[in-house]
Amino acid sequence: MNLLNQLNLSFVIAPHPESAIFHAEYTNPDIILIPFDPNQSNPQETHHKLKQAKITQDIPVLWMNNYSELKTQTPQALATTLEALNPFVNRNTSLNTLPTDMTINSLKKQVQLQQELLIKLQAENQQLKRLASLDDLTQLANRREFYNCLQEQWQSCQEDHLSMLLCDVDFFKLYNDTYGHLAGDYCLQQIANAIETAVKRVREPEPYLVARYGGEEFAVILPHLDLENARKVAEEIQLQIRSLKIPHRSSPIRSNITSSLGVACCVPGEKSYLQELISAADQAMYKAKSEGRDQVKVAQGIL
């Protein structure tokens, strides 16, 4: 009976209507299966009793010669099996002698519908998971996904290098004040694409994650990459952002949008902590900002 359970169809198998009514009170089935024996049962009387009883009057009835074969069937074979077991296809049984509420065709349609709904539900769940992990504006990973990925890579990179970058768009508040928030949103989208392009060019096919860390800040996770090579990735990002040549007439340092980046690296283990890696990258980024911006700063040594 695992088959019907897989299809989320609760059922009662009963040799006579009294048994079906009794069990239906406790299980509230979707279908009543009645094994049909033309020598021992009166199908019209059985059907009449089931429809007279309040508990079973709205439950479909399916007449069957036997049901032992159902135990080994797969969902794809359900309709074929039921059609073979249903007495309507038996030449010795008249279609008019058996009352029915559920035909084989309707059951086939129900199976097909459930399969289609399952496929649709799985696709929708995947879409919801994807949307839950993305930043709406930039379509990069969001901050929550950044932390999830960093924790996973912390476990994956035990006794190996794990680097991360933090990138801040220089004087972005002045940019918003000058050009407006719609222009600011478009600017962030361009920068997000530039960072993704730069990291992908350097790292692919090796794993990495680019995320919007918050506001005008972006983060990059670089598993199995040492400090010097992580610095090269940061410099590539800086060059890619410069190449956009997004005008910024209110910037005190350049006529175009620039960025400040901090780089940190650690070897996850018993003597290092994930939060220290984030803090080191953050401090390096703020050092880049405090010392003139539009530059890359590296945290001292490996944590």
C-alpha atoms as a PDB file:
ATOM      1  CA  MET A   1       0.000   0.000   0.000  1.00  0.00           C
ATOM      2  CA  ASN A   2       3.031   2.280  -0.131  1.00  0.00           C
ATOM      3  CA  LEU A   3       2.003   3.268  -3.641  1.00  0.00           C
ATOM      4  CA  LEU A   4      -1.214   5.050  -2.676  1.00  0.00           C
ATOM      5  CA  ASN A   5       0.599   6.671   0.237  1.00  0.00           C
ATOM      6  CA  GLN A   6       3.158   8.086  -2.199  1.00  0.00           C
ATOM      7  CA  LEU A   7       0.286   9.693  -4.079  1.00  0.00           C
ATOM      8  CA  ASN A   8      -1.096  11.188  -0.846  1.00  0.00           C
ATOM      9  CA  LEU A   9      -4.317   9.183  -1.279  1.00  0.00           C
ATOM     10  CA  SER A  10      -5.678   7.788   1.975  1.00  0.00           C
ATOM     11  CA  PHE A  11      -7.826   4.721   1.434  1.00  0.00           C
ATOM     12  CA  VAL A  12      -9.904   2.023   3.045  1.00  0.00           C
ATOM     13  CA  ILE A  13     -10.020  -1.558   1.787  1.00  0.00           C
ATOM     14  CA  ALA A  14     -13.182  -3.201   2.958  1.00  0.00           C
ATOM     15  CA  PRO A  15     -14.852  -6.513   1.987  1.00  0.00           C
ATOM     16  CA  HIS A  16     -18.338  -5.164   2.812  1.00  0.00           C
ATOM     17  CA  PRO A  17     -19.978  -1.756   3.367  1.00  0.00           C
ATOM     18  CA  GLU A  18     -20.227  -2.088   7.155  1.00  0.00           C
ATOM     19  CA  SER A  19     -16.459  -2.473   7.374  1.00  0.00           C
ATOM     20  CA  ALA A  20     -15.887   0.507   5.080  1.00  0.00           C
ATOM     21  CA  ILE A  21     -18.229   2.697   7.130  1.00  0.00           C
ATOM     22  CA  PHE A  22     -16.561   1.632  10.387  1.00  0.00           C
ATOM     23  CA  HIS A  23     -13.033   2.419   9.193  1.00  0.00           C
ATOM     24  CA  ALA A  24     -14.058   5.620   7.419  1.00  0.00           C
ATOM     25  CA  GLU A  25     -15.135   7.106  10.747  1.00  0.00           C
ATOM     26  CA  TYR A  26     -11.541   6.939  11.970  1.00  0.00           C
ATOM     27  CA  THR A  27      -9.475   7.488   8.812  1.00  0.00           C
ATOM     28  CA  ASN A  28     -11.523   9.846   6.606  1.00  0.00           C
ATOM     29  CA  PRO A  29     -10.259   8.197   3.403  1.00  0.00           C
ATOM     30  CA  ASP A  30     -10.024   9.686  -0.096  1.00  0.00           C
ATOM     31  CA  ILE A  31     -11.060   6.389  -1.722  1.00  0.00           C
ATOM     32  CA  ILE A  32     -12.907   3.226  -0.684  1.00  0.00           C
ATOM     33  CA  LEU A  33     -11.573   0.094  -2.380  1.00  0.00           C
ATOM     34  CA  ILE A  34     -14.066  -2.787  -2.547  1.00  0.00           C
ATOM     35  CA  PRO A  35     -12.720  -6.201  -3.658  1.00  0.00           C
ATOM     36  CA  PHE A  36     -15.358  -7.527  -6.035  1.00  0.00           C
ATOM     37  CA  ASP A  37     -16.579 -11.106  -5.895  1.00  0.00           C
ATOM     38  CA  PRO A  38     -19.637 -11.628  -8.145  1.00  0.00           C
ATOM     39  CA  ASN A  39     -20.470 -14.872  -6.307  1.00  0.00           C
ATOM     40  CA  GLN A  40     -20.584 -13.374  -2.832  1.00  0.00           C
ATOM     41  CA  SER A  41     -21.500  -9.699  -3.117  1.00  0.00           C
ATOM     42  CA  ASN A  42     -24.304  -7.503  -4.381  1.00  0.00           C
ATOM     43  CA  PRO A  43     -22.612  -4.375  -5.773  1.00  0.00           C
ATOM     44  CA  GLN A  44     -25.823  -2.338  -5.995  1.00  0.00           C
ATOM     45  CA  GLU A  45     -26.669  -3.045  -2.362  1.00  0.00           C
ATOM     46  CA  THR A  46     -23.122  -2.304  -1.243  1.00  0.00           C
ATOM     47  CA  HIS A  47     -23.074   0.962  -3.150  1.00  0.00           C
ATOM     48  CA  HIS A  48     -26.499   1.928  -1.784  1.00  0.00           C
ATOM     49  CA  LYS A  49     -25.407   1.365   1.829  1.00  0.00           C
ATOM     50  CA  LEU A  50     -22.238   3.399   1.377  1.00  0.00           C
ATOM     51  CA  LYS A  51     -24.174   6.293  -0.132  1.00  0.00           C
ATOM     52  CA  GLN A  52     -26.812   6.172   2.583  1.00  0.00           C
ATOM     53  CA  ALA A  53     -24.221   6.450   5.335  1.00  0.00           C
ATOM     54  CA  LYS A  54     -23.321  10.080   6.062  1.00  0.00           C
ATOM     55  CA  ILE A  55     -19.652   9.301   6.702  1.00  0.00           C
ATOM     56  CA  THR A  56     -19.137   7.595   3.314  1.00  0.00           C
ATOM     57  CA  GLN A  57     -21.735   9.200   1.037  1.00  0.00           C
ATOM     58  CA  ASP A  58     -19.213  11.573  -0.577  1.00  0.00           C
ATOM     59  CA  ILE A  59     -16.241   9.200  -0.752  1.00  0.00           C
ATOM     60  CA  PRO A  60     -15.527   7.723  -4.220  1.00  0.00           C
ATOM     61  CA  VAL A  61     -15.780   3.932  -4.544  1.00  0.00           C
ATOM     62  CA  LEU A  62     -13.485   1.842  -6.717  1.00  0.00           C
ATOM     63  CA  TRP A  63     -14.417  -1.782  -7.382  1.00  0.00           C
ATOM     64  CA  MET A  64     -11.539  -4.191  -7.785  1.00  0.00           C
ATOM     65  CA  ASN A  65     -11.116  -7.899  -8.499  1.00  0.00           C
ATOM     66  CA  ASN A  66      -8.091  -8.021  -6.139  1.00  0.00           C
ATOM     67  CA  TYR A  67      -5.489  -5.636  -4.753  1.00  0.00           C
ATOM     68  CA  SER A  68      -2.445  -7.729  -3.893  1.00  0.00           C
ATOM     69  CA  GLU A  69      -0.521  -6.466  -6.927  1.00  0.00           C
ATOM     70  CA  LEU A  70      -0.658  -2.895  -5.669  1.00  0.00           C
ATOM     71  CA  LYS A  71       2.015  -3.655  -3.087  1.00  0.00           C
ATOM     72  CA  THR A  72       4.831  -3.789  -5.632  1.00  0.00           C
ATOM     73  CA  GLN A  73       3.781  -1.091  -8.099  1.00  0.00           C
ATOM     74  CA  THR A  74       5.445   2.233  -8.815  1.00  0.00           C
ATOM     75  CA  PRO A  75       3.453   5.465  -9.244  1.00  0.00           C
ATOM     76  CA  GLN A  76       3.970   5.368 -13.017  1.00  0.00           C
ATOM     77  CA  ALA A  77       2.409   1.912 -13.165  1.00  0.00           C
ATOM     78  CA  LEU A  78      -0.586   2.740 -10.967  1.00  0.00           C
ATOM     79  CA  ALA A  79      -3.064   3.523 -13.713  1.00  0.00           C
ATOM     80  CA  THR A  80      -2.120   0.402 -15.689  1.00  0.00           C
ATOM     81  CA  THR A  81      -2.436  -1.816 -12.632  1.00  0.00           C
ATOM     82  CA  LEU A  82      -5.785  -0.405 -11.574  1.00  0.00           C
ATOM     83  CA  GLU A  83      -7.120  -0.750 -15.086  1.00  0.00           C
ATOM     84  CA  ALA A  84      -6.083  -4.409 -15.119  1.00  0.00           C
ATOM     85  CA  LEU A  85      -7.625  -5.004 -11.709  1.00  0.00           C
ATOM     86  CA  ASN A  86     -10.829  -3.120 -12.345  1.00  0.00           C
ATOM     87  CA  PRO A  87     -13.724  -5.445 -13.184  1.00  0.00           C
ATOM     88  CA  PHE A  88     -15.006  -3.057 -15.864  1.00  0.00           C
ATOM     89  CA  VAL A  89     -12.425  -4.517 -18.247  1.00  0.00           C
ATOM     90  CA  ASN A  90     -13.421  -8.078 -17.401  1.00  0.00           C
ATOM     91  CA  ARG A  91     -15.505  -9.500 -20.238  1.00  0.00           C
ATOM     92  CA  ASN A  92     -17.574 -11.519 -17.766  1.00  0.00           C
ATOM     93  CA  THR A  93     -18.631  -8.394 -15.901  1.00  0.00           C
ATOM     94  CA  SER A  94     -21.246  -6.028 -17.250  1.00  0.00           C
ATOM     95  CA  LEU A  95     -20.525  -2.326 -16.982  1.00  0.00           C
ATOM     96  CA  ASN A  96     -24.124  -1.754 -15.984  1.00  0.00           C
ATOM     97  CA  THR A  97     -23.981  -4.141 -13.026  1.00  0.00           C
ATOM     98  CA  LEU A  98     -21.425  -2.161 -11.014  1.00  0.00           C
ATOM     99  CA  PRO A  99     -22.181   1.327  -9.714  1.00  0.00           C
ATOM    100  CA  THR A 100     -19.102   3.579  -9.610  1.00  0.00           C
ATOM    101  CA  ASP A 101     -18.017   7.009  -8.516  1.00  0.00           C
ATOM    102  CA  MET A 102     -14.456   6.953  -9.780  1.00  0.00           C
ATOM    103  CA  THR A 103     -13.450   5.741 -13.198  1.00  0.00           C
ATOM    104  CA  ILE A 104     -10.003   4.630 -14.198  1.00  0.00           C
ATOM    105  CA  ASN A 105      -9.671   7.700 -16.412  1.00  0.00           C
ATOM    106  CA  SER A 106     -10.424  10.025 -13.503  1.00  0.00           C
ATOM    107  CA  LEU A 107      -7.831   8.248 -11.385  1.00  0.00           C
ATOM    108  CA  LYS A 108      -5.303   8.573 -14.203  1.00  0.00           C
ATOM    109  CA  LYS A 109      -6.035  12.275 -14.375  1.00  0.00           C
ATOM    110  CA  GLN A 110      -5.628  12.571 -10.607  1.00  0.00           C
ATOM    111  CA  VAL A 111      -2.250  10.826 -10.738  1.00  0.00           C
ATOM    112  CA  GLN A 112      -1.126  13.034 -13.627  1.00  0.00           C
ATOM    113  CA  LEU A 113      -2.349  16.179 -11.864  1.00  0.00           C
ATOM    114  CA  GLN A 114      -0.520  15.279  -8.664  1.00  0.00           C
ATOM    115  CA  GLN A 115       2.681  14.631 -10.586  1.00  0.00           C
ATOM    116  CA  GLU A 116       2.362  17.976 -12.385  1.00  0.00           C
ATOM    117  CA  LEU A 117       1.645  19.779  -9.112  1.00  0.00           C
ATOM    118  CA  LEU A 118       4.627  18.099  -7.461  1.00  0.00           C
ATOM    119  CA  ILE A 119       6.944  19.203 -10.281  1.00  0.00           C
ATOM    120  CA  LYS A 120       5.536  22.738 -10.100  1.00  0.00           C
ATOM    121  CA  LEU A 121       5.880  22.825  -6.312  1.00  0.00           C
ATOM    122  CA  GLN A 122       9.487  21.645  -6.476  1.00  0.00           C
ATOM    123  CA  ALA A 123      10.286  24.330  -9.052  1.00  0.00           C
ATOM    124  CA  GLU A 124       8.579  27.006  -6.944  1.00  0.00           C
ATOM    125  CA  ASN A 125      10.466  25.882  -3.829  1.00  0.00           C
ATOM    126  CA  GLN A 126      13.754  26.117  -5.697  1.00  0.00           C
ATOM    127  CA  GLN A 127      12.811  29.595  -6.907  1.00  0.00           C
ATOM    128  CA  LEU A 128      11.884  30.700  -3.376  1.00  0.00           C
ATOM    129  CA  LYS A 129      15.191  29.398  -2.027  1.00  0.00           C
ATOM    130  CA  ARG A 130      17.049  31.235  -4.768  1.00  0.00           C
ATOM    131  CA  LEU A 131      15.178  34.483  -4.130  1.00  0.00           C
ATOM    132  CA  ALA A 132      15.707  34.186  -0.369  1.00  0.00           C
ATOM    133  CA  SER A 133      19.463  34.086  -0.907  1.00  0.00           C
ATOM    134  CA  LEU A 134      19.686  37.022  -3.340  1.00  0.00           C
ATOM    135  CA  ASP A 135      19.891  40.765  -2.896  1.00  0.00           C
ATOM    136  CA  ASP A 136      16.926  42.318  -4.708  1.00  0.00           C
ATOM    137  CA  LEU A 137      18.820  45.212  -6.258  1.00  0.00           C
ATOM    138  CA  THR A 138      22.081  43.654  -7.419  1.00  0.00           C
ATOM    139  CA  GLN A 139      21.052  39.988  -7.764  1.00  0.00           C
ATOM    140  CA  LEU A 140      24.212  39.037  -5.889  1.00  0.00           C
ATOM    141  CA  ALA A 141      24.115  36.857  -2.806  1.00  0.00           C
ATOM    142  CA  ASN A 142      22.652  38.733   0.167  1.00  0.00           C
ATOM    143  CA  ARG A 143      24.242  39.116   3.587  1.00  0.00           C
ATOM    144  CA  ARG A 144      22.543  36.049   5.019  1.00  0.00           C
ATOM    145  CA  GLU A 145      23.828  33.904   2.155  1.00  0.00           C
ATOM    146  CA  PHE A 146      27.279  35.425   2.646  1.00  0.00           C
ATOM    147  CA  TYR A 147      27.362  34.225   6.262  1.00  0.00           C
ATOM    148  CA  ASN A 148      26.023  30.798   5.302  1.00  0.00           C
ATOM    149  CA  CYS A 149      28.702  30.397   2.640  1.00  0.00           C
ATOM    150  CA  LEU A 150      31.468  31.679   4.916  1.00  0.00           C
ATOM    151  CA  GLN A 151      30.547  29.172   7.609  1.00  0.00           C
ATOM    152  CA  GLU A 152      30.513  26.349   5.055  1.00  0.00           C
ATOM    153  CA  GLN A 153      33.886  27.356   3.678  1.00  0.00           C
ATOM    154  CA  TRP A 154      35.270  27.689   7.187  1.00  0.00           C
ATOM    155  CA  GLN A 155      34.594  23.981   7.612  1.00  0.00           C
ATOM    156  CA  SER A 156      35.809  23.131   4.112  1.00  0.00           C
ATOM    157  CA  CYS A 157      39.100  25.021   4.408  1.00  0.00           C
ATOM    158  CA  GLN A 158      40.360  23.442   7.623  1.00  0.00           C
ATOM    159  CA  GLU A 159      44.177  23.678   7.563  1.00  0.00           C
ATOM    160  CA  ASP A 160      44.041  25.588   4.233  1.00  0.00           C
ATOM    161  CA  HIS A 161      43.794  29.278   3.326  1.00  0.00           C
ATOM    162  CA  LEU A 162      40.479  31.111   3.362  1.00  0.00           C
ATOM    163  CA  SER A 163      40.509  34.712   2.165  1.00  0.00           C
ATOM    164  CA  MET A 164      37.842  37.371   2.017  1.00  0.00           C
ATOM    165  CA  LEU A 165      37.551  40.913   0.666  1.00  0.00           C
ATOM    166  CA  LEU A 166      35.396  43.858   1.644  1.00  0.00           C
ATOM    167  CA  CYS A 167      34.793  46.591  -0.903  1.00  0.00           C
ATOM    168  CA  ASP A 168      33.287  50.024  -0.232  1.00  0.00           C
ATOM    169  CA  VAL A 169      32.188  52.468  -2.944  1.00  0.00           C
ATOM    170  CA  ASP A 170      33.954  55.764  -2.233  1.00  0.00           C
ATOM    171  CA  PHE A 171      31.778  58.757  -1.330  1.00  0.00           C
ATOM    172  CA  PHE A 172      28.599  56.994  -2.367  1.00  0.00           C
ATOM    173  CA  LYS A 173      26.383  59.219  -0.207  1.00  0.00           C
ATOM    174  CA  LEU A 174      27.657  62.230  -2.145  1.00  0.00           C
ATOM    175  CA  TYR A 175      26.883  60.348  -5.350  1.00  0.00           C
ATOM    176  CA  ASN A 176      23.278  59.755  -4.240  1.00  0.00           C
ATOM    177  CA  ASP A 177      22.918  63.375  -3.144  1.00  0.00           C
ATOM    178  CA  THR A 178      24.230  64.587  -6.500  1.00  0.00           C
ATOM    179  CA  TYR A 179      22.589  62.229  -8.975  1.00  0.00           C
ATOM    180  CA  GLY A 180      19.581  60.864  -7.054  1.00  0.00           C
ATOM    181  CA  HIS A 181      18.746  57.459  -5.634  1.00  0.00           C
ATOM    182  CA  LEU A 182      17.641  55.915  -8.938  1.00  0.00           C
ATOM    183  CA  ALA A 183      21.027  56.727 -10.419  1.00  0.00           C
ATOM    184  CA  GLY A 184      22.592  55.395  -7.210  1.00  0.00           C
ATOM    185  CA  ASP A 185      20.767  52.089  -7.596  1.00  0.00           C
ATOM    186  CA  TYR A 186      21.934  51.765 -11.189  1.00  0.00           C
ATOM    187  CA  CYS A 187      25.477  52.595 -10.095  1.00  0.00           C
ATOM    188  CA  LEU A 188      25.417  49.794  -7.509  1.00  0.00           C
ATOM    189  CA  GLN A 189      24.110  47.358 -10.104  1.00  0.00           C
ATOM    190  CA  GLN A 190      26.988  48.243 -12.429  1.00  0.00           C
ATOM    191  CA  ILE A 191      29.525  47.869  -9.626  1.00  0.00           C
ATOM    192  CA  ALA A 192      28.044  44.520  -8.576  1.00  0.00           C
ATOM    193  CA  ASN A 193      28.388  43.266 -12.140  1.00  0.00           C
ATOM    194  CA  ALA A 194      31.954  44.602 -12.329  1.00  0.00           C
ATOM    195  CA  ILE A 195      32.986  42.792  -9.134  1.00  0.00           C
ATOM    196  CA  GLU A 196      31.386  39.537 -10.293  1.00  0.00           C
ATOM    197  CA  THR A 197      33.098  39.867 -13.684  1.00  0.00           C
ATOM    198  CA  ALA A 198      36.501  40.535 -12.147  1.00  0.00           C
ATOM    199  CA  VAL A 199      36.368  37.678  -9.639  1.00  0.00           C
ATOM    200  CA  LYS A 200      34.988  35.245 -12.190  1.00  0.00           C
ATOM    201  CA  ARG A 201      37.781  36.108 -14.625  1.00  0.00           C
ATOM    202  CA  VAL A 202      40.455  35.432 -12.012  1.00  0.00           C
ATOM    203  CA  ARG A 203      38.930  32.550 -10.060  1.00  0.00           C
ATOM    204  CA  GLU A 204      36.750  30.425 -12.325  1.00  0.00           C
ATOM    205  CA  PRO A 205      36.484  27.432 -12.185  1.00  0.00           C
ATOM    206  CA  GLU A 206      37.584  27.660  -8.536  1.00  0.00           C
ATOM    207  CA  PRO A 207      34.804  28.371  -5.989  1.00  0.00           C
ATOM    208  CA  TYR A 208      34.020  31.901  -4.793  1.00  0.00           C
ATOM    209  CA  LEU A 209      31.094  34.035  -3.666  1.00  0.00           C
ATOM    210  CA  VAL A 210      30.355  37.697  -4.341  1.00  0.00           C
ATOM    211  CA  ALA A 211      27.757  39.235  -2.033  1.00  0.00           C
ATOM    212  CA  ARG A 212      26.215  42.584  -1.242  1.00  0.00           C
ATOM    213  CA  TYR A 213      27.297  43.056   2.343  1.00  0.00           C
ATOM    214  CA  GLY A 214      25.134  46.103   2.975  1.00  0.00           C
ATOM    215  CA  GLY A 215      24.467  49.548   1.473  1.00  0.00           C
ATOM    216  CA  GLU A 216      27.410  50.306  -0.824  1.00  0.00           C
ATOM    217  CA  GLU A 217      29.605  47.543   0.622  1.00  0.00           C
ATOM    218  CA  PHE A 218      30.362  44.251  -1.116  1.00  0.00           C
ATOM    219  CA  ALA A 219      32.084  41.097   0.121  1.00  0.00           C
ATOM    220  CA  VAL A 220      33.958  38.331  -1.661  1.00  0.00           C
ATOM    221  CA  ILE A 221      34.754  34.875  -0.251  1.00  0.00           C
ATOM    222  CA  LEU A 222      37.807  33.151  -1.746  1.00  0.00           C
ATOM    223  CA  PRO A 223      38.330  29.588  -0.467  1.00  0.00           C
ATOM    224  CA  HIS A 224      41.752  27.952  -0.784  1.00  0.00           C
ATOM    225  CA  LEU A 225      43.456  31.219  -1.743  1.00  0.00           C
ATOM    226  CA  ASP A 226      46.376  32.780   0.123  1.00  0.00           C
ATOM    227  CA  LEU A 227      46.777  36.438   1.094  1.00  0.00           C
ATOM    228  CA  GLU A 228      48.959  37.527  -1.832  1.00  0.00           C
ATOM    229  CA  ASN A 229      46.672  36.041  -4.464  1.00  0.00           C
ATOM    230  CA  ALA A 230      43.616  37.454  -2.676  1.00  0.00           C
ATOM    231  CA  ARG A 231      45.258  40.906  -2.925  1.00  0.00           C
ATOM    232  CA  LYS A 232      45.584  40.399  -6.693  1.00  0.00           C
ATOM    233  CA  VAL A 233      41.853  39.635  -6.893  1.00  0.00           C
ATOM    234  CA  ALA A 234      41.116  42.861  -5.001  1.00  0.00           C
ATOM    235  CA  GLU A 235      43.298  44.857  -7.397  1.00  0.00           C
ATOM    236  CA  GLU A 236      41.494  43.277 -10.346  1.00  0.00           C
ATOM    237  CA  ILE A 237      38.166  44.361  -8.830  1.00  0.00           C
ATOM    238  CA  GLN A 238      39.466  47.903  -8.379  1.00  0.00           C
ATOM    239  CA  LEU A 239      40.584  48.080 -12.007  1.00  0.00           C
ATOM    240  CA  GLN A 240      37.239  46.717 -13.232  1.00  0.00           C
ATOM    241  CA  ILE A 241      35.309  49.345 -11.250  1.00  0.00           C
ATOM    242  CA  ARG A 242      37.558  52.112 -12.577  1.00  0.00           C
ATOM    243  CA  SER A 243      36.969  50.875 -16.127  1.00  0.00           C
ATOM    244  CA  LEU A 244      33.243  51.606 -15.749  1.00  0.00           C
ATOM    245  CA  LYS A 245      34.107  55.325 -15.731  1.00  0.00           C
ATOM    246  CA  ILE A 246      30.930  56.233 -13.878  1.00  0.00           C
ATOM    247  CA  PRO A 247      30.992  60.042 -13.482  1.00  0.00           C
ATOM    248  CA  HIS A 248      31.155  61.355  -9.901  1.00  0.00           C
ATOM    249  CA  ARG A 249      31.606  65.111  -9.990  1.00  0.00           C
ATOM    250  CA  SER A 250      31.131  65.394  -6.210  1.00  0.00           C
ATOM    251  CA  SER A 251      34.000  63.045  -5.358  1.00  0.00           C
ATOM    252  CA  PRO A 252      36.862  64.874  -3.591  1.00  0.00           C
ATOM    253  CA  ILE A 253      39.474  62.521  -5.093  1.00  0.00           C
ATOM    254  CA  ARG A 254      38.457  61.480  -8.647  1.00  0.00           C
ATOM    255  CA  SER A 255      36.025  62.494 -11.353  1.00  0.00           C
ATOM    256  CA  ASN A 256      34.709  58.916 -11.587  1.00  0.00           C
ATOM    257  CA  ILE A 257      33.478  56.301  -9.109  1.00  0.00           C
ATOM    258  CA  THR A 258      36.268  54.572  -7.160  1.00  0.00           C
ATOM    259  CA  SER A 259      36.460  51.940  -4.427  1.00  0.00           C
ATOM    260  CA  SER A 260      38.359  51.054  -1.262  1.00  0.00           C
ATOM    261  CA  LEU A 261      39.107  47.405  -0.509  1.00  0.00           C
ATOM    262  CA  GLY A 262      40.322  45.431   2.476  1.00  0.00           C
ATOM    263  CA  VAL A 263      41.810  41.933   2.242  1.00  0.00           C
ATOM    264  CA  ALA A 264      42.273  39.347   4.988  1.00  0.00           C
ATOM    265  CA  CYS A 265      43.246  35.688   5.104  1.00  0.00           C
ATOM    266  CA  CYS A 266      43.252  32.932   7.696  1.00  0.00           C
ATOM    267  CA  VAL A 267      43.765  29.218   8.095  1.00  0.00           C
ATOM    268  CA  PRO A 268      40.649  27.915   9.882  1.00  0.00           C
ATOM    269  CA  GLY A 269      41.479  25.785  12.884  1.00  0.00           C
ATOM    270  CA  GLU A 270      41.325  25.557  16.654  1.00  0.00           C
ATOM    271  CA  LYS A 271      43.250  28.821  17.184  1.00  0.00           C
ATOM    272  CA  SER A 272      41.383  30.990  14.671  1.00  0.00           C
ATOM    273  CA  TYR A 273      37.839  32.330  14.635  1.00  0.00           C
ATOM    274  CA  LEU A 274      35.549  33.216  11.761  1.00  0.00           C
ATOM    275  CA  GLN A 275      34.613  36.587  13.224  1.00  0.00           C
ATOM    276  CA  GLU A 276      38.292  37.551  13.373  1.00  0.00           C
ATOM    277  CA  LEU A 277      38.546  37.091   9.599  1.00  0.00           C
ATOM    278  CA  ILE A 278      35.593  39.422   8.983  1.00  0.00           C
ATOM    279  CA  SER A 279      36.948  41.959  11.452  1.00  0.00           C
ATOM    280  CA  ALA A 280      40.410  41.905   9.860  1.00  0.00           C
ATOM    281  CA  ALA A 281      38.989  42.523   6.374  1.00  0.00           C
ATOM    282  CA  ASP A 282      36.799  45.296   7.771  1.00  0.00           C
ATOM    283  CA  GLN A 283      39.722  47.015   9.481  1.00  0.00           C
ATOM    284  CA  ALA A 284      41.839  46.777   6.327  1.00  0.00           C
ATOM    285  CA  MET A 285      39.025  48.336   4.290  1.00  0.00           C
ATOM    286  CA  TYR A 286      38.621  51.229   6.712  1.00  0.00           C
ATOM    287  CA  LYS A 287      42.375  51.771   6.654  1.00  0.00           C
ATOM    288  CA  ALA A 288      42.142  52.116   2.874  1.00  0.00           C
ATOM    289  CA  LYS A 289      39.389  54.694   3.345  1.00  0.00           C
ATOM    290  CA  SER A 290      41.164  56.638   6.076  1.00  0.00           C
ATOM    291  CA  GLU A 291      44.403  56.826   4.091  1.00  0.00           C
ATOM    292  CA  GLY A 292      42.944  58.413   0.978  1.00  0.00           C
ATOM    293  CA  ARG A 293      40.557  55.825  -0.541  1.00  0.00           C
ATOM    294  CA  ASP A 294      40.748  54.382  -4.060  1.00  0.00           C
ATOM    295  CA  GLN A 295      43.205  51.714  -2.909  1.00  0.00           C
ATOM    296  CA  VAL A 296      43.644  48.189  -1.576  1.00  0.00           C
ATOM    297  CA  LYS A 297      44.864  47.473   1.945  1.00  0.00           C
ATOM    298  CA  VAL A 298      45.860  44.069   3.269  1.00  0.00           C
ATOM    299  CA  ALA A 299      45.469  42.880   6.862  1.00  0.00           C
ATOM    300  CA  GLN A 300      48.813  42.150   8.443  1.00  0.00           C
ATOM    301  CA  GLY A 301      49.750  38.503   8.133  1.00  0.00           C
ATOM    302  CA  ILE A 302      47.533  35.433   8.252  1.00  0.00           C
ATOM    303  CA  LEU A 303      45.239  34.965  11.219  1.00  0.00           C
END
